[in-house]
Each structure stands twice: as structure tokens, then as C-alpha cells.
Amino acid sequence: MRAAWLSVARKTTGYVLFVLSCLGWAVLPFIPFFPISTAAKAAWVAGSLIFAEVTWWLMVLLLGKEVIDYCRRAWRLLQAAWARRRRQPCAVPEAGEVAWPAASAGAAHSADSQPQA
């Protein structure tokens, strides 16, 4: 009974630390808009970064196995998505046809638009 309670408390504390870490990172883009001095903004940024990292690593210590399993699953999903993307056929130009990149396609690169000397 005690071990189950400790496991629940460990997981709950770990997830709370995860949320706090995310909040520490989420506040960073808004700090430049606070109506405080530049030195205070720098202190807030440094404090927020330290807070976010400390809470992140404490969370990793508490939820080590769960975090590692999640990262492994996410990595496998990314690898599968990249493999699917590589298997998709790409458009191959036919013989004698020039394949311009999509961003530069148009009259600017065609031989017809070149000034005549």
C-alpha cells in the first residue's frame, strides 16, 4: 500500500514539475514586453531559464523511466515519418525538359526573357 502511494506521489510530483518547467519556458517570449527596466528583464530571463531547467531535470529524475520510454516512442515515430517521406516519389523531368525549383519558376529564368544583344 505504501509503495503504491509513493509511486502515485512520485508521478504526480513529476508531472507537476513538467508543467512548471513548460511554464518557465513559455514565459520567456513575453518578458521583453514587461514594463520593467532592461536589467530586470535580463534577471527575469536568467531566472526563468534556471527555473525551467531545474524543474525539468528534477522531473526527469522522478519520471526517468516514463520520460525515456516517451522519448523512444517519439523517436521511432519520427523515424517512421521520415522513412515514409523518403519513399514518396518525386517529380522527375522528362528528357529535354528543364526542372526549375518552384520558388524560381517563371519567366525570370526562361531563355525567352533574356535580353537580346
C-alpha atoms as a PDB file:
ATOM      1  CA  MET A   1       0.000   0.000   0.000  1.00  0.00           C
ATOM      2  CA  ARG A   2       2.780   2.414   0.910  1.00  0.00           C
ATOM      3  CA  ALA A   3       4.731   1.636  -2.266  1.00  0.00           C
ATOM      4  CA  ALA A   4       1.697   2.343  -4.441  1.00  0.00           C
ATOM      5  CA  TRP A   5       1.134   5.666  -2.681  1.00  0.00           C
ATOM      6  CA  LEU A   6       4.786   6.634  -3.179  1.00  0.00           C
ATOM      7  CA  SER A   7       4.544   5.745  -6.857  1.00  0.00           C
ATOM      8  CA  VAL A   8       1.458   7.928  -7.282  1.00  0.00           C
ATOM      9  CA  ALA A   9       3.102  10.790  -5.362  1.00  0.00           C
ATOM     10  CA  ARG A  10       6.298  10.452  -7.454  1.00  0.00           C
ATOM     11  CA  LYS A  11       4.380  10.556 -10.723  1.00  0.00           C
ATOM     12  CA  THR A  12       2.135  13.419  -9.626  1.00  0.00           C
ATOM     13  CA  THR A  13       5.112  15.467  -8.450  1.00  0.00           C
ATOM     14  CA  GLY A  14       6.953  14.688 -11.682  1.00  0.00           C
ATOM     15  CA  TYR A  15       4.068  15.821 -13.865  1.00  0.00           C
ATOM     16  CA  VAL A  16       3.597  18.998 -11.805  1.00  0.00           C
ATOM     17  CA  LEU A  17       7.308  19.739 -12.283  1.00  0.00           C
ATOM     18  CA  PHE A  18       6.868  19.139 -16.015  1.00  0.00           C
ATOM     19  CA  VAL A  19       4.056  21.700 -16.200  1.00  0.00           C
ATOM     20  CA  LEU A  20       6.092  24.200 -14.173  1.00  0.00           C
ATOM     21  CA  SER A  21       9.062  23.698 -16.483  1.00  0.00           C
ATOM     22  CA  CYS A  22       6.885  24.322 -19.529  1.00  0.00           C
ATOM     23  CA  LEU A  23       5.517  27.484 -17.913  1.00  0.00           C
ATOM     24  CA  GLY A  24       9.081  28.643 -17.257  1.00  0.00           C
ATOM     25  CA  TRP A  25       9.851  28.279 -20.970  1.00  0.00           C
ATOM     26  CA  ALA A  26       6.504  29.718 -22.077  1.00  0.00           C
ATOM     27  CA  VAL A  27       7.017  32.994 -20.198  1.00  0.00           C
ATOM     28  CA  LEU A  28      10.300  33.760 -21.992  1.00  0.00           C
ATOM     29  CA  PRO A  29       8.838  35.308 -25.186  1.00  0.00           C
ATOM     30  CA  PHE A  30       6.726  37.706 -23.104  1.00  0.00           C
ATOM     31  CA  ILE A  31       9.438  39.029 -20.793  1.00  0.00           C
ATOM     32  CA  PRO A  32      10.663  41.715 -23.262  1.00  0.00           C
ATOM     33  CA  PHE A  33       7.199  43.286 -23.118  1.00  0.00           C
ATOM     34  CA  PHE A  34       7.105  43.629 -19.316  1.00  0.00           C
ATOM     35  CA  PRO A  35       7.126  47.276 -18.170  1.00  0.00           C
ATOM     36  CA  ILE A  36      10.383  46.901 -16.216  1.00  0.00           C
ATOM     37  CA  SER A  37      13.979  48.003 -16.728  1.00  0.00           C
ATOM     38  CA  THR A  38      16.338  46.177 -19.069  1.00  0.00           C
ATOM     39  CA  ALA A  39      18.412  44.884 -16.162  1.00  0.00           C
ATOM     40  CA  ALA A  40      15.278  43.493 -14.536  1.00  0.00           C
ATOM     41  CA  LYS A  41      14.269  41.852 -17.840  1.00  0.00           C
ATOM     42  CA  ALA A  42      17.687  40.199 -18.059  1.00  0.00           C
ATOM     43  CA  ALA A  43      17.315  38.954 -14.492  1.00  0.00           C
ATOM     44  CA  TRP A  44      13.836  37.601 -15.263  1.00  0.00           C
ATOM     45  CA  VAL A  45      15.121  35.766 -18.340  1.00  0.00           C
ATOM     46  CA  ALA A  46      18.026  34.242 -16.423  1.00  0.00           C
ATOM     47  CA  GLY A  47      15.791  33.285 -13.515  1.00  0.00           C
ATOM     48  CA  SER A  48      13.174  31.780 -15.799  1.00  0.00           C
ATOM     49  CA  LEU A  49      15.769  29.733 -17.683  1.00  0.00           C
ATOM     50  CA  ILE A  50      17.313  28.429 -14.462  1.00  0.00           C
ATOM     51  CA  PHE A  51      13.869  27.657 -13.017  1.00  0.00           C
ATOM     52  CA  ALA A  52      12.774  25.823 -16.193  1.00  0.00           C
ATOM     53  CA  GLU A  53      15.948  23.734 -16.365  1.00  0.00           C
ATOM     54  CA  VAL A  54      15.996  22.834 -12.667  1.00  0.00           C
ATOM     55  CA  THR A  55      12.350  21.775 -12.708  1.00  0.00           C
ATOM     56  CA  TRP A  56      12.942  19.824 -15.956  1.00  0.00           C
ATOM     57  CA  TRP A  57      15.837  17.817 -14.544  1.00  0.00           C
ATOM     58  CA  LEU A  58      14.019  17.174 -11.263  1.00  0.00           C
ATOM     59  CA  MET A  59      11.113  15.867 -13.328  1.00  0.00           C
ATOM     60  CA  VAL A  60      13.487  13.625 -15.295  1.00  0.00           C
ATOM     61  CA  LEU A  61      14.859  12.232 -12.020  1.00  0.00           C
ATOM     62  CA  LEU A  62      11.348  11.448 -10.765  1.00  0.00           C
ATOM     63  CA  LEU A  63       9.912  10.160 -14.051  1.00  0.00           C
ATOM     64  CA  GLY A  64      13.090   8.742 -15.574  1.00  0.00           C
ATOM     65  CA  LYS A  65      11.618   5.527 -16.972  1.00  0.00           C
ATOM     66  CA  GLU A  66       8.455   7.204 -18.255  1.00  0.00           C
ATOM     67  CA  VAL A  67      10.416  10.044 -19.900  1.00  0.00           C
ATOM     68  CA  ILE A  68      12.865   7.663 -21.568  1.00  0.00           C
ATOM     69  CA  ASP A  69      10.026   5.465 -22.878  1.00  0.00           C
ATOM     70  CA  TYR A  70       8.191   8.527 -24.216  1.00  0.00           C
ATOM     71  CA  CYS A  71      11.327   9.829 -25.956  1.00  0.00           C
ATOM     72  CA  ARG A  72      11.970   6.420 -27.514  1.00  0.00           C
ATOM     73  CA  ARG A  73       8.402   6.210 -28.832  1.00  0.00           C
ATOM     74  CA  ALA A  74       8.587   9.746 -30.213  1.00  0.00           C
ATOM     75  CA  TRP A  75      11.933   8.986 -31.885  1.00  0.00           C
ATOM     76  CA  ARG A  76      10.534   5.846 -33.514  1.00  0.00           C
ATOM     77  CA  LEU A  77       7.511   7.773 -34.795  1.00  0.00           C
ATOM     78  CA  LEU A  78       9.783  10.438 -36.264  1.00  0.00           C
ATOM     79  CA  GLN A  79      11.950   7.803 -37.928  1.00  0.00           C
ATOM     80  CA  ALA A  80       8.864   6.158 -39.439  1.00  0.00           C
ATOM     81  CA  ALA A  81       7.599   9.515 -40.723  1.00  0.00           C
ATOM     82  CA  TRP A  82      10.989  10.295 -42.275  1.00  0.00           C
ATOM     83  CA  ALA A  83      11.113   6.862 -43.894  1.00  0.00           C
ATOM     84  CA  ARG A  84       7.637   7.365 -45.394  1.00  0.00           C
ATOM     85  CA  ARG A  85       8.671  10.757 -46.690  1.00  0.00           C
ATOM     86  CA  ARG A  86      11.793   9.314 -48.352  1.00  0.00           C
ATOM     87  CA  ARG A  87       9.769   6.601 -50.078  1.00  0.00           C
ATOM     88  CA  GLN A  88       7.442   9.089 -51.770  1.00  0.00           C
ATOM     89  CA  PRO A  89       8.312   9.507 -55.428  1.00  0.00           C
ATOM     90  CA  CYS A  90       9.497  12.888 -56.567  1.00  0.00           C
ATOM     91  CA  ALA A  91       8.721  14.537 -59.892  1.00  0.00           C
ATOM     92  CA  VAL A  92      11.419  13.668 -62.412  1.00  0.00           C
ATOM     93  CA  PRO A  93      11.658  15.877 -65.503  1.00  0.00           C
ATOM     94  CA  GLU A  94      11.328  14.181 -68.862  1.00  0.00           C
ATOM     95  CA  ALA A  95      14.159  14.158 -71.384  1.00  0.00           C
ATOM     96  CA  GLY A  96      14.977  17.630 -72.655  1.00  0.00           C
ATOM     97  CA  GLU A  97      12.844  19.360 -70.020  1.00  0.00           C
ATOM     98  CA  VAL A  98      14.426  21.756 -67.522  1.00  0.00           C
ATOM     99  CA  ALA A  99      13.258  21.377 -63.925  1.00  0.00           C
ATOM    100  CA  TRP A 100      13.302  24.752 -62.172  1.00  0.00           C
ATOM    101  CA  PRO A 101      12.777  24.964 -58.418  1.00  0.00           C
ATOM    102  CA  ALA A 102       9.235  26.001 -57.545  1.00  0.00           C
ATOM    103  CA  ALA A 103      10.330  29.306 -55.980  1.00  0.00           C
ATOM    104  CA  SER A 104      12.220  30.430 -59.067  1.00  0.00           C
ATOM    105  CA  ALA A 105       9.893  29.065 -61.750  1.00  0.00           C
ATOM    106  CA  GLY A 106       8.585  31.537 -64.243  1.00  0.00           C
ATOM    107  CA  ALA A 107       9.682  33.999 -66.884  1.00  0.00           C
ATOM    108  CA  ALA A 108      12.599  35.334 -64.857  1.00  0.00           C
ATOM    109  CA  HIS A 109      14.629  32.204 -65.625  1.00  0.00           C
ATOM    110  CA  SER A 110      13.377  31.229 -69.039  1.00  0.00           C
ATOM    111  CA  ALA A 111      15.568  31.610 -72.111  1.00  0.00           C
ATOM    112  CA  ASP A 112      12.827  33.673 -73.811  1.00  0.00           C
ATOM    113  CA  SER A 113      13.083  36.507 -71.307  1.00  0.00           C
ATOM    114  CA  GLN A 114      16.813  37.102 -71.742  1.00  0.00           C
ATOM    115  CA  PRO A 115      17.626  40.440 -73.383  1.00  0.00           C
ATOM    116  CA  GLN A 116      18.713  40.189 -76.979  1.00  0.00           C
ATOM    117  CA  ALA A 117      22.091  41.652 -77.830  1.00  0.00           C
END
